Amino acid sequence: MTQRVLVTDAAKLIIDELRQTHGALMFHQSGGCCDGSSPMCFPDGELMINENDVWLGTIHGCDFYMSKDQFEYWQHTQLTINVVPGRGASFSLEIPLGLRFVVESRIYTDQEMEQLSPTRLG
């Protein structure tokens, strides 16, 4: 099965660090406010998820969501969550560390499209 969202080893280390401080975590792909379209990390349950959000899977034990509208644009791409130095302008938990999560994407192959992992509404 082709996963819709992946995570780099570098991002896993930061997720582990954030989890030690904040407990269980969740991600939501921002729709463009503040820092543009970037993955944002929150304590699990802090961001209200509803039927306007699509669950894409989990990364390193964290649920990953994006809005339905944004999913329409991204549904043909596999997302990889990475971390880079720099201070973003969002409310994501990694920002005080002088880091920011970023999304890297690529288009699925035809074969991968046939084997995509399922999504569900929030």
Protein backbone atom coordinates (compact mmCIF):
# COMPACT_ATOMS: atom_id res chain seq x y z
CA MET A 1 0.00 0.00 0.00
CA THR A 2 1.28 3.47 -0.88
CA GLN A 3 1.37 5.80 2.10
CA ARG A 4 0.10 9.34 1.53
CA VAL A 5 2.39 11.00 4.06
CA LEU A 6 5.93 10.09 5.15
CA VAL A 7 8.42 11.60 7.59
CA THR A 8 12.19 11.96 7.49
CA ASP A 9 14.47 10.69 10.25
CA ALA A 10 15.43 14.28 11.10
CA ALA A 11 11.77 15.20 11.59
CA LYS A 12 11.24 12.08 13.73
CA LEU A 13 13.93 13.29 16.14
CA ILE A 14 12.15 16.63 16.56
CA ILE A 15 8.79 14.92 16.98
CA ASP A 16 10.33 12.80 19.76
CA GLU A 17 11.70 15.93 21.44
CA LEU A 18 8.35 17.71 21.21
CA ARG A 19 6.50 14.65 22.46
CA GLN A 20 8.64 14.61 25.63
CA THR A 21 7.51 18.17 26.41
CA HIS A 22 3.95 18.23 25.06
CA GLY A 23 2.74 14.61 25.14
CA ALA A 24 0.77 13.15 22.23
CA LEU A 25 0.95 15.22 19.03
CA MET A 26 -0.99 15.77 15.82
CA PHE A 27 -0.24 17.47 12.50
CA HIS A 28 -2.37 19.60 10.20
CA GLN A 29 -1.22 20.84 6.81
CA SER A 30 -1.78 24.58 6.98
CA GLY A 31 -3.86 26.10 4.22
CA GLY A 32 -1.82 29.23 3.62
CA CYS A 33 -2.18 31.65 6.54
CA CYS A 34 0.91 33.11 8.20
CA ASP A 35 3.64 30.76 7.00
CA GLY A 36 2.04 29.69 3.75
CA SER A 37 1.18 26.05 3.29
CA SER A 38 3.22 24.24 5.92
CA PRO A 39 2.77 21.27 8.23
CA MET A 40 1.89 22.42 11.72
CA CYS A 41 2.39 20.36 14.87
CA PHE A 42 0.05 20.70 17.85
CA PRO A 43 -0.64 18.84 21.08
CA ASP A 44 -3.11 16.12 20.15
CA GLY A 45 -6.66 17.49 20.31
CA GLU A 46 -5.65 21.17 20.47
CA LEU A 47 -6.84 21.80 16.91
CA MET A 48 -10.50 20.97 16.41
CA ILE A 49 -10.85 18.46 13.55
CA ASN A 50 -14.22 17.99 11.84
CA GLU A 51 -15.86 16.83 8.62
CA ASN A 52 -13.97 19.55 6.71
CA ASP A 53 -10.65 17.82 7.41
CA VAL A 54 -9.19 14.72 5.78
CA TRP A 55 -7.05 12.25 7.72
CA LEU A 56 -4.14 11.14 5.52
CA GLY A 57 -2.47 8.72 7.90
CA THR A 58 0.07 8.84 10.69
CA ILE A 59 3.68 9.98 10.83
CA HIS A 60 5.82 8.69 13.67
CA GLY A 61 2.71 7.98 15.75
CA CYS A 62 0.97 11.31 15.02
CA ASP A 63 -2.26 11.71 13.05
CA PHE A 64 -1.87 13.93 9.97
CA TYR A 65 -4.77 15.98 8.55
CA MET A 66 -5.47 18.63 5.93
CA SER A 67 -8.61 20.47 4.89
CA LYS A 68 -10.85 18.90 2.22
CA ASP A 69 -10.34 21.92 -0.05
CA GLN A 70 -6.58 21.61 0.15
CA PHE A 71 -6.75 17.83 -0.31
CA GLU A 72 -8.36 18.43 -3.70
CA TYR A 73 -5.07 20.00 -4.83
CA TRP A 74 -2.72 17.58 -3.03
CA GLN A 75 -4.52 14.26 -3.56
CA HIS A 76 -2.16 13.20 -6.38
CA THR A 77 1.00 13.81 -4.37
CA GLN A 78 2.86 11.97 -1.66
CA LEU A 79 3.94 14.28 1.14
CA THR A 80 7.17 13.89 3.09
CA ILE A 81 7.49 15.92 6.30
CA ASN A 82 10.99 17.21 6.95
CA VAL A 83 12.50 19.79 9.30
CA VAL A 84 14.82 22.67 8.44
CA PRO A 85 16.52 25.46 10.39
CA GLY A 86 14.61 28.72 10.48
CA ARG A 87 11.89 30.40 12.41
CA GLY A 88 8.49 30.17 10.80
CA ALA A 89 5.56 32.45 11.44
CA SER A 90 3.12 29.82 12.66
CA PHE A 91 1.90 28.41 15.95
CA SER A 92 3.53 25.04 15.33
CA LEU A 93 5.34 23.58 18.36
CA GLU A 94 8.81 23.37 16.76
CA ILE A 95 9.07 27.13 16.09
CA PRO A 96 10.65 28.02 19.49
CA LEU A 97 13.41 25.49 18.69
CA GLY A 98 14.52 27.62 15.73
CA LEU A 99 13.24 24.95 13.36
CA ARG A 100 10.28 24.48 11.11
CA PHE A 101 8.55 21.52 9.57
CA VAL A 102 8.30 21.65 5.79
CA VAL A 103 6.51 19.49 3.27
CA GLU A 104 8.24 17.97 0.28
CA SER A 105 5.99 16.45 -2.35
CA ARG A 106 6.05 14.31 -5.44
CA ILE A 107 3.39 13.06 -7.83
CA TYR A 108 2.36 9.43 -7.46
CA THR A 109 3.10 6.99 -10.25
CA ASP A 110 0.10 5.33 -11.92
CA GLN A 111 0.85 2.12 -10.04
CA GLU A 112 1.03 3.96 -6.71
CA MET A 113 -2.31 5.67 -7.43
CA GLU A 114 -3.92 2.22 -7.64
CA GLN A 115 -2.55 1.26 -4.21
CA LEU A 116 -3.13 4.42 -2.14
CA SER A 117 -3.83 4.10 1.56
CA PRO A 118 -7.39 5.10 2.47
CA THR A 119 -8.34 8.50 3.83
CA ARG A 120 -11.23 9.43 6.07
CA LEU A 121 -12.99 12.59 7.11
CA GLY A 122 -12.03 14.03 10.47
